[in-house]
Amino acid sequence: GSEREFVAAITKSGKNGALTYYAQPVKGRVRIA
């Protein structure tokens, strides 16, 4: 019954690795890799 929503994102792998981002409702409970 809801619209599609953001969960997590990850950047391309760079020299310092990939950066990750999380939606607040799942932050701390999920990991994107």
PDB file of all heavy atoms in Angstrom:
ATOM      1  N   GLY A   1       0.773  -1.225   0.000  1.00  0.00           N
ATOM      2  CA  GLY A   1       0.000   0.000   0.000  1.00  0.00           C
ATOM      3  C   GLY A   1       0.805   1.276   0.000  1.00  0.00           C
ATOM      4  O   GLY A   1       0.233   2.362   0.143  1.00  0.00           O
ATOM      5  N   SER A   2       2.120   1.187  -0.169  1.00  0.00           N
ATOM      6  CA  SER A   2       2.984   2.358  -0.110  1.00  0.00           C
ATOM      7  C   SER A   2       3.775   2.525  -1.398  1.00  0.00           C
ATOM      8  O   SER A   2       3.884   1.613  -2.209  1.00  0.00           O
ATOM      9  CB  SER A   2       3.955   2.251   1.067  1.00  0.00           C
ATOM     10  OG  SER A   2       3.265   2.147   2.296  1.00  0.00           O
ATOM     11  N   GLU A   3       4.343   3.714  -1.562  1.00  0.00           N
ATOM     12  CA  GLU A   3       5.207   3.982  -2.697  1.00  0.00           C
ATOM     13  C   GLU A   3       6.580   3.372  -2.476  1.00  0.00           C
ATOM     14  O   GLU A   3       6.989   3.108  -1.347  1.00  0.00           O
ATOM     15  CB  GLU A   3       5.336   5.491  -2.920  1.00  0.00           C
ATOM     16  CG  GLU A   3       4.037   6.186  -3.267  1.00  0.00           C
ATOM     17  CD  GLU A   3       4.230   7.661  -3.529  1.00  0.00           C
ATOM     18  OE1 GLU A   3       5.357   8.167  -3.345  1.00  0.00           O
ATOM     19  OE2 GLU A   3       3.261   8.314  -3.939  1.00  0.00           O
ATOM     20  N   ARG A   4       7.279   3.142  -3.557  1.00  0.00           N
ATOM     21  CA  ARG A   4       8.624   2.633  -3.463  1.00  0.00           C
ATOM     22  C   ARG A   4       9.518   3.650  -2.760  1.00  0.00           C
ATOM     23  O   ARG A   4       9.458   4.848  -3.045  1.00  0.00           O
ATOM     24  CB  ARG A   4       9.163   2.315  -4.858  1.00  0.00           C
ATOM     25  CG  ARG A   4      10.397   1.433  -4.859  1.00  0.00           C
ATOM     26  CD  ARG A   4      10.709   0.939  -6.272  1.00  0.00           C
ATOM     27  NE  ARG A   4       9.615   0.158  -6.825  1.00  0.00           N
ATOM     28  CZ  ARG A   4       9.655  -0.447  -8.007  1.00  0.00           C
ATOM     29  NH1 ARG A   4      10.741  -0.361  -8.750  1.00  0.00           N
ATOM     30  NH2 ARG A   4       8.602  -1.129  -8.441  1.00  0.00           N
ATOM     31  N   GLU A   5      10.358   3.180  -1.840  1.00  0.00           N
ATOM     32  CA  GLU A   5      11.165   4.067  -1.029  1.00  0.00           C
ATOM     33  C   GLU A   5      12.622   3.632  -0.996  1.00  0.00           C
ATOM     34  O   GLU A   5      12.949   2.456  -1.138  1.00  0.00           O
ATOM     35  CB  GLU A   5      10.617   4.146   0.396  1.00  0.00           C
ATOM     36  CG  GLU A   5      10.654   2.817   1.134  1.00  0.00           C
ATOM     37  CD  GLU A   5      10.041   2.898   2.516  1.00  0.00           C
ATOM     38  OE1 GLU A   5      10.133   3.971   3.154  1.00  0.00           O
ATOM     39  OE2 GLU A   5       9.459   1.887   2.962  1.00  0.00           O
ATOM     40  N   PHE A   6      13.463   4.599  -0.757  1.00  0.00           N
ATOM     41  CA  PHE A   6      14.897   4.382  -0.674  1.00  0.00           C
ATOM     42  C   PHE A   6      15.266   3.606   0.578  1.00  0.00           C
ATOM     43  O   PHE A   6      14.729   3.861   1.659  1.00  0.00           O
ATOM     44  CB  PHE A   6      15.606   5.738  -0.681  1.00  0.00           C
ATOM     45  CG  PHE A   6      17.073   5.676  -0.401  1.00  0.00           C
ATOM     46  CD1 PHE A   6      17.962   5.180  -1.341  1.00  0.00           C
ATOM     47  CD2 PHE A   6      17.570   6.134   0.802  1.00  0.00           C
ATOM     48  CE1 PHE A   6      19.315   5.131  -1.086  1.00  0.00           C
ATOM     49  CE2 PHE A   6      18.923   6.096   1.075  1.00  0.00           C
ATOM     50  CZ  PHE A   6      19.797   5.593   0.122  1.00  0.00           C
ATOM     51  N   VAL A   7      16.190   2.671   0.440  1.00  0.00           N
ATOM     52  CA  VAL A   7      16.703   1.903   1.569  1.00  0.00           C
ATOM     53  C   VAL A   7      18.187   2.187   1.791  1.00  0.00           C
ATOM     54  O   VAL A   7      18.603   2.565   2.888  1.00  0.00           O
ATOM     55  CB  VAL A   7      16.482   0.396   1.372  1.00  0.00           C
ATOM     56  CG1 VAL A   7      17.137  -0.399   2.502  1.00  0.00           C
ATOM     57  CG2 VAL A   7      14.994   0.079   1.286  1.00  0.00           C
ATOM     58  N   ALA A   8      18.981   2.000   0.754  1.00  0.00           N
ATOM     59  CA  ALA A   8      20.425   2.166   0.880  1.00  0.00           C
ATOM     60  C   ALA A   8      21.035   2.375  -0.489  1.00  0.00           C
ATOM     61  O   ALA A   8      20.465   1.987  -1.509  1.00  0.00           O
ATOM     62  CB  ALA A   8      21.058   0.945   1.554  1.00  0.00           C
ATOM     63  N   ALA A   9      22.209   2.992  -0.522  1.00  0.00           N
ATOM     64  CA  ALA A   9      22.916   3.212  -1.772  1.00  0.00           C
ATOM     65  C   ALA A   9      24.411   3.070  -1.545  1.00  0.00           C
ATOM     66  O   ALA A   9      24.911   3.231  -0.421  1.00  0.00           O
ATOM     67  CB  ALA A   9      22.594   4.594  -2.349  1.00  0.00           C
ATOM     68  N   ILE A  10      25.112   2.781  -2.621  1.00  0.00           N
ATOM     69  CA  ILE A  10      26.555   2.639  -2.563  1.00  0.00           C
ATOM     70  C   ILE A  10      27.149   3.220  -3.839  1.00  0.00           C
ATOM     71  O   ILE A  10      26.615   3.049  -4.925  1.00  0.00           O
ATOM     72  CB  ILE A  10      26.954   1.154  -2.367  1.00  0.00           C
ATOM     73  CG1 ILE A  10      28.454   1.012  -2.098  1.00  0.00           C
ATOM     74  CG2 ILE A  10      26.523   0.305  -3.561  1.00  0.00           C
ATOM     75  CD1 ILE A  10      28.832  -0.378  -1.586  1.00  0.00           C
ATOM     76  N   THR A  11      28.272   3.917  -3.681  1.00  0.00           N
ATOM     77  CA  THR A  11      28.920   4.529  -4.826  1.00  0.00           C
ATOM     78  C   THR A  11      29.767   3.518  -5.574  1.00  0.00           C
ATOM     79  O   THR A  11      29.933   2.369  -5.153  1.00  0.00           O
ATOM     80  CB  THR A  11      29.812   5.695  -4.389  1.00  0.00           C
ATOM     81  OG1 THR A  11      30.903   5.190  -3.609  1.00  0.00           O
ATOM     82  CG2 THR A  11      29.031   6.714  -3.575  1.00  0.00           C
ATOM     83  N   LYS A  12      30.327   3.945  -6.690  1.00  0.00           N
ATOM     84  CA  LYS A  12      31.334   3.144  -7.361  1.00  0.00           C
ATOM     85  C   LYS A  12      32.537   2.979  -6.441  1.00  0.00           C
ATOM     86  O   LYS A  12      32.768   3.802  -5.549  1.00  0.00           O
ATOM     87  CB  LYS A  12      31.787   3.809  -8.664  1.00  0.00           C
ATOM     88  CG  LYS A  12      30.699   3.961  -9.707  1.00  0.00           C
ATOM     89  CD  LYS A  12      31.272   4.360 -11.059  1.00  0.00           C
ATOM     90  CE  LYS A  12      32.001   5.683 -10.997  1.00  0.00           C
ATOM     91  NZ  LYS A  12      32.503   6.093 -12.353  1.00  0.00           N
ATOM     92  N   SER A  13      33.279   1.929  -6.657  1.00  0.00           N
ATOM     93  CA  SER A  13      34.472   1.690  -5.868  1.00  0.00           C
ATOM     94  C   SER A  13      35.588   2.600  -6.354  1.00  0.00           C
ATOM     95  O   SER A  13      36.003   2.533  -7.515  1.00  0.00           O
ATOM     96  CB  SER A  13      34.907   0.233  -5.979  1.00  0.00           C
ATOM     97  OG  SER A  13      33.909  -0.639  -5.474  1.00  0.00           O
ATOM     98  N   GLY A  14      36.074   3.454  -5.478  1.00  0.00           N
ATOM     99  CA  GLY A  14      37.176   4.351  -5.788  1.00  0.00           C
ATOM    100  C   GLY A  14      38.431   3.959  -5.037  1.00  0.00           C
ATOM    101  O   GLY A  14      38.509   2.887  -4.426  1.00  0.00           O
ATOM    102  N   LYS A  15      39.411   4.849  -5.067  1.00  0.00           N
ATOM    103  CA  LYS A  15      40.674   4.545  -4.406  1.00  0.00           C
ATOM    104  C   LYS A  15      40.508   4.378  -2.903  1.00  0.00           C
ATOM    105  O   LYS A  15      41.321   3.710  -2.259  1.00  0.00           O
ATOM    106  CB  LYS A  15      41.705   5.622  -4.716  1.00  0.00           C
ATOM    107  CG  LYS A  15      41.338   7.003  -4.200  1.00  0.00           C
ATOM    108  CD  LYS A  15      42.429   8.003  -4.524  1.00  0.00           C
ATOM    109  CE  LYS A  15      42.103   9.380  -3.981  1.00  0.00           C
ATOM    110  NZ  LYS A  15      43.173  10.360  -4.282  1.00  0.00           N
ATOM    111  N   ASN A  16      39.482   4.996  -2.342  1.00  0.00           N
ATOM    112  CA  ASN A  16      39.193   4.879  -0.918  1.00  0.00           C
ATOM    113  C   ASN A  16      38.021   3.946  -0.647  1.00  0.00           C
ATOM    114  O   ASN A  16      37.419   3.995   0.424  1.00  0.00           O
ATOM    115  CB  ASN A  16      38.920   6.253  -0.328  1.00  0.00           C
ATOM    116  CG  ASN A  16      40.119   7.164  -0.388  1.00  0.00           C
ATOM    117  OD1 ASN A  16      41.236   6.734  -0.114  1.00  0.00           O
ATOM    118  ND2 ASN A  16      39.894   8.420  -0.751  1.00  0.00           N
ATOM    119  N   GLY A  17      37.699   3.101  -1.587  1.00  0.00           N
ATOM    120  CA  GLY A  17      36.578   2.201  -1.448  1.00  0.00           C
ATOM    121  C   GLY A  17      35.287   2.849  -1.886  1.00  0.00           C
ATOM    122  O   GLY A  17      35.284   3.868  -2.573  1.00  0.00           O
ATOM    123  N   ALA A  18      34.179   2.261  -1.492  1.00  0.00           N
ATOM    124  CA  ALA A  18      32.861   2.752  -1.835  1.00  0.00           C
ATOM    125  C   ALA A  18      32.199   3.379  -0.617  1.00  0.00           C
ATOM    126  O   ALA A  18      32.337   2.882   0.504  1.00  0.00           O
ATOM    127  CB  ALA A  18      31.993   1.618  -2.379  1.00  0.00           C
ATOM    128  N   LEU A  19      31.483   4.463  -0.845  1.00  0.00           N
ATOM    129  CA  LEU A  19      30.732   5.122   0.216  1.00  0.00           C
ATOM    130  C   LEU A  19      29.317   4.577   0.249  1.00  0.00           C
ATOM    131  O   LEU A  19      28.749   4.252  -0.794  1.00  0.00           O
ATOM    132  CB  LEU A  19      30.710   6.629   0.000  1.00  0.00           C
ATOM    133  CG  LEU A  19      32.068   7.327  -0.043  1.00  0.00           C
ATOM    134  CD1 LEU A  19      31.888   8.815  -0.303  1.00  0.00           C
ATOM    135  CD2 LEU A  19      32.827   7.104   1.253  1.00  0.00           C
ATOM    136  N   THR A  20      28.755   4.488   1.447  1.00  0.00           N
ATOM    137  CA  THR A  20      27.419   3.938   1.615  1.00  0.00           C
ATOM    138  C   THR A  20      26.506   4.942   2.284  1.00  0.00           C
ATOM    139  O   THR A  20      26.950   5.797   3.066  1.00  0.00           O
ATOM    140  CB  THR A  20      27.448   2.651   2.441  1.00  0.00           C
ATOM    141  OG1 THR A  20      28.030   2.911   3.729  1.00  0.00           O
ATOM    142  CG2 THR A  20      28.273   1.584   1.736  1.00  0.00           C
ATOM    143  N   TYR A  21      25.218   4.814   2.001  1.00  0.00           N
ATOM    144  CA  TYR A  21      24.201   5.712   2.531  1.00  0.00           C
ATOM    145  C   TYR A  21      22.964   4.899   2.875  1.00  0.00           C
ATOM    146  O   TYR A  21      22.624   3.944   2.171  1.00  0.00           O
ATOM    147  CB  TYR A  21      23.846   6.800   1.506  1.00  0.00           C
ATOM    148  CG  TYR A  21      25.056   7.554   1.015  1.00  0.00           C
ATOM    149  CD1 TYR A  21      25.779   7.087  -0.069  1.00  0.00           C
ATOM    150  CD2 TYR A  21      25.475   8.712   1.652  1.00  0.00           C
ATOM    151  CE1 TYR A  21      26.902   7.765  -0.513  1.00  0.00           C
ATOM    152  CE2 TYR A  21      26.596   9.394   1.221  1.00  0.00           C
ATOM    153  CZ  TYR A  21      27.310   8.919   0.135  1.00  0.00           C
ATOM    154  OH  TYR A  21      28.425   9.594  -0.296  1.00  0.00           O
ATOM    155  N   TYR A  22      22.275   5.287   3.955  1.00  0.00           N
ATOM    156  CA  TYR A  22      21.145   4.513   4.448  1.00  0.00           C
ATOM    157  C   TYR A  22      19.973   5.412   4.799  1.00  0.00           C
ATOM    158  O   TYR A  22      20.161   6.530   5.298  1.00  0.00           O
ATOM    159  CB  TYR A  22      21.536   3.713   5.688  1.00  0.00           C
ATOM    160  CG  TYR A  22      22.646   2.729   5.439  1.00  0.00           C
ATOM    161  CD1 TYR A  22      23.965   3.065   5.719  1.00  0.00           C
ATOM    162  CD2 TYR A  22      22.376   1.469   4.919  1.00  0.00           C
ATOM    163  CE1 TYR A  22      24.988   2.169   5.483  1.00  0.00           C
ATOM    164  CE2 TYR A  22      23.398   0.569   4.684  1.00  0.00           C
ATOM    165  CZ  TYR A  22      24.704   0.921   4.966  1.00  0.00           C
ATOM    166  OH  TYR A  22      25.721   0.022   4.726  1.00  0.00           O
ATOM    167  N   ALA A  23      18.786   4.902   4.545  1.00  0.00           N
ATOM    168  CA  ALA A  23      17.590   5.568   5.026  1.00  0.00           C
ATOM    169  C   ALA A  23      17.502   5.414   6.537  1.00  0.00           C
ATOM    170  O   ALA A  23      17.902   4.393   7.103  1.00  0.00           O
ATOM    171  CB  ALA A  23      16.346   4.979   4.363  1.00  0.00           C
ATOM    172  N   GLN A  24      16.982   6.424   7.203  1.00  0.00           N
ATOM    173  CA  GLN A  24      16.930   6.424   8.657  1.00  0.00           C
ATOM    174  C   GLN A  24      16.208   5.217   9.260  1.00  0.00           C
ATOM    175  O   GLN A  24      16.674   4.672  10.264  1.00  0.00           O
ATOM    176  CB  GLN A  24      16.308   7.722   9.168  1.00  0.00           C
ATOM    177  CG  GLN A  24      16.468   7.944  10.662  1.00  0.00           C
ATOM    178  CD  GLN A  24      17.916   8.050  11.082  1.00  0.00           C
ATOM    179  OE1 GLN A  24      18.337   7.433  12.068  1.00  0.00           O
ATOM    180  NE2 GLN A  24      18.691   8.825  10.326  1.00  0.00           N
ATOM    181  N   PRO A  25      15.090   4.751   8.686  1.00  0.00           N
ATOM    182  CA  PRO A  25      14.397   3.614   9.308  1.00  0.00           C
ATOM    183  C   PRO A  25      15.207   2.328   9.370  1.00  0.00           C
ATOM    184  O   PRO A  25      14.906   1.465  10.198  1.00  0.00           O
ATOM    185  CB  PRO A  25      13.154   3.439   8.419  1.00  0.00           C
ATOM    186  CG  PRO A  25      12.938   4.777   7.810  1.00  0.00           C
ATOM    187  CD  PRO A  25      14.317   5.318   7.580  1.00  0.00           C
ATOM    188  N   VAL A  26      16.214   2.190   8.517  1.00  0.00           N
ATOM    189  CA  VAL A  26      16.985   0.951   8.495  1.00  0.00           C
ATOM    190  C   VAL A  26      18.420   1.141   8.962  1.00  0.00           C
ATOM    191  O   VAL A  26      19.156   0.152   9.117  1.00  0.00           O
ATOM    192  CB  VAL A  26      16.995   0.318   7.085  1.00  0.00           C
ATOM    193  CG1 VAL A  26      15.580   0.027   6.618  1.00  0.00           C
ATOM    194  CG2 VAL A  26      17.720   1.218   6.090  1.00  0.00           C
ATOM    195  N   LYS A  27      18.822   2.361   9.192  1.00  0.00           N
ATOM    196  CA  LYS A  27      20.204   2.638   9.571  1.00  0.00           C
ATOM    197  C   LYS A  27      20.562   1.891  10.850  1.00  0.00           C
ATOM    198  O   LYS A  27      19.833   1.931  11.840  1.00  0.00           O
ATOM    199  CB  LYS A  27      20.414   4.131   9.760  1.00  0.00           C
ATOM    200  CG  LYS A  27      21.868   4.540   9.911  1.00  0.00           C
ATOM    201  CD  LYS A  27      22.018   6.046   9.912  1.00  0.00           C
ATOM    202  CE  LYS A  27      23.468   6.464  10.027  1.00  0.00           C
ATOM    203  NZ  LYS A  27      24.259   6.027   8.851  1.00  0.00           N
ATOM    204  N   GLY A  28      21.691   1.202  10.816  1.00  0.00           N
ATOM    205  CA  GLY A  28      22.133   0.404  11.943  1.00  0.00           C
ATOM    206  C   GLY A  28      21.669  -1.036  11.894  1.00  0.00           C
ATOM    207  O   GLY A  28      22.190  -1.872  12.642  1.00  0.00           O
ATOM    208  N   ARG A  29      20.704  -1.340  11.044  1.00  0.00           N
ATOM    209  CA  ARG A  29      20.171  -2.691  10.941  1.00  0.00           C
ATOM    210  C   ARG A  29      20.498  -3.352   9.610  1.00  0.00           C
ATOM    211  O   ARG A  29      20.295  -4.558   9.458  1.00  0.00           O
ATOM    212  CB  ARG A  29      18.656  -2.692  11.144  1.00  0.00           C
ATOM    213  CG  ARG A  29      18.216  -2.157  12.494  1.00  0.00           C
ATOM    214  CD  ARG A  29      16.727  -2.383  12.741  1.00  0.00           C
ATOM    215  NE  ARG A  29      15.905  -1.655  11.784  1.00  0.00           N
ATOM    216  CZ  ARG A  29      15.126  -2.232  10.884  1.00  0.00           C
ATOM    217  NH1 ARG A  29      15.055  -3.547  10.811  1.00  0.00           N
ATOM    218  NH2 ARG A  29      14.399  -1.491  10.065  1.00  0.00           N
ATOM    219  N   VAL A  30      20.961  -2.583   8.654  1.00  0.00           N
ATOM    220  CA  VAL A  30      21.282  -3.134   7.342  1.00  0.00           C
ATOM    221  C   VAL A  30      22.664  -2.656   6.909  1.00  0.00           C
ATOM    222  O   VAL A  30      23.184  -1.655   7.404  1.00  0.00           O
ATOM    223  CB  VAL A  30      20.241  -2.762   6.267  1.00  0.00           C
ATOM    224  CG1 VAL A  30      18.832  -3.070   6.750  1.00  0.00           C
ATOM    225  CG2 VAL A  30      20.358  -1.293   5.879  1.00  0.00           C
ATOM    226  N   ARG A  31      23.245  -3.407   5.991  1.00  0.00           N
ATOM    227  CA  ARG A  31      24.519  -3.016   5.412  1.00  0.00           C
ATOM    228  C   ARG A  31      24.492  -3.316   3.923  1.00  0.00           C
ATOM    229  O   ARG A  31      24.181  -4.437   3.520  1.00  0.00           O
ATOM    230  CB  ARG A  31      25.688  -3.751   6.064  1.00  0.00           C
ATOM    231  CG  ARG A  31      27.048  -3.210   5.645  1.00  0.00           C
ATOM    232  CD  ARG A  31      28.169  -3.897   6.398  1.00  0.00           C
ATOM    233  NE  ARG A  31      28.639  -5.084   5.706  1.00  0.00           N
ATOM    234  CZ  ARG A  31      29.622  -5.082   4.809  1.00  0.00           C
ATOM    235  NH1 ARG A  31      30.233  -3.949   4.485  1.00  0.00           N
ATOM    236  NH2 ARG A  31      30.001  -6.214   4.240  1.00  0.00           N
ATOM    237  N   ILE A  32      24.807  -2.309   3.122  1.00  0.00           N
ATOM    238  CA  ILE A  32      24.911  -2.489   1.685  1.00  0.00           C
ATOM    239  C   ILE A  32      26.379  -2.696   1.340  1.00  0.00           C
ATOM    240  O   ILE A  32      27.262  -2.046   1.891  1.00  0.00           O
ATOM    241  CB  ILE A  32      24.308  -1.292   0.917  1.00  0.00           C
ATOM    242  CG1 ILE A  32      24.267  -1.572  -0.585  1.00  0.00           C
ATOM    243  CG2 ILE A  32      25.049   0.000   1.214  1.00  0.00           C
ATOM    244  CD1 ILE A  32      23.484  -0.534  -1.373  1.00  0.00           C
ATOM    245  N   ALA A  33      26.635  -3.617   0.435  1.00  0.00           N
ATOM    246  CA  ALA A  33      28.003  -3.913   0.041  1.00  0.00           C
ATOM    247  C   ALA A  33      28.023  -4.347  -1.415  1.00  0.00           C
ATOM    248  O   ALA A  33      26.995  -4.735  -1.975  1.00  0.00           O
ATOM    249  CB  ALA A  33      28.596  -5.005   0.929  1.00  0.00           C
TER     250      ALA A  33
END
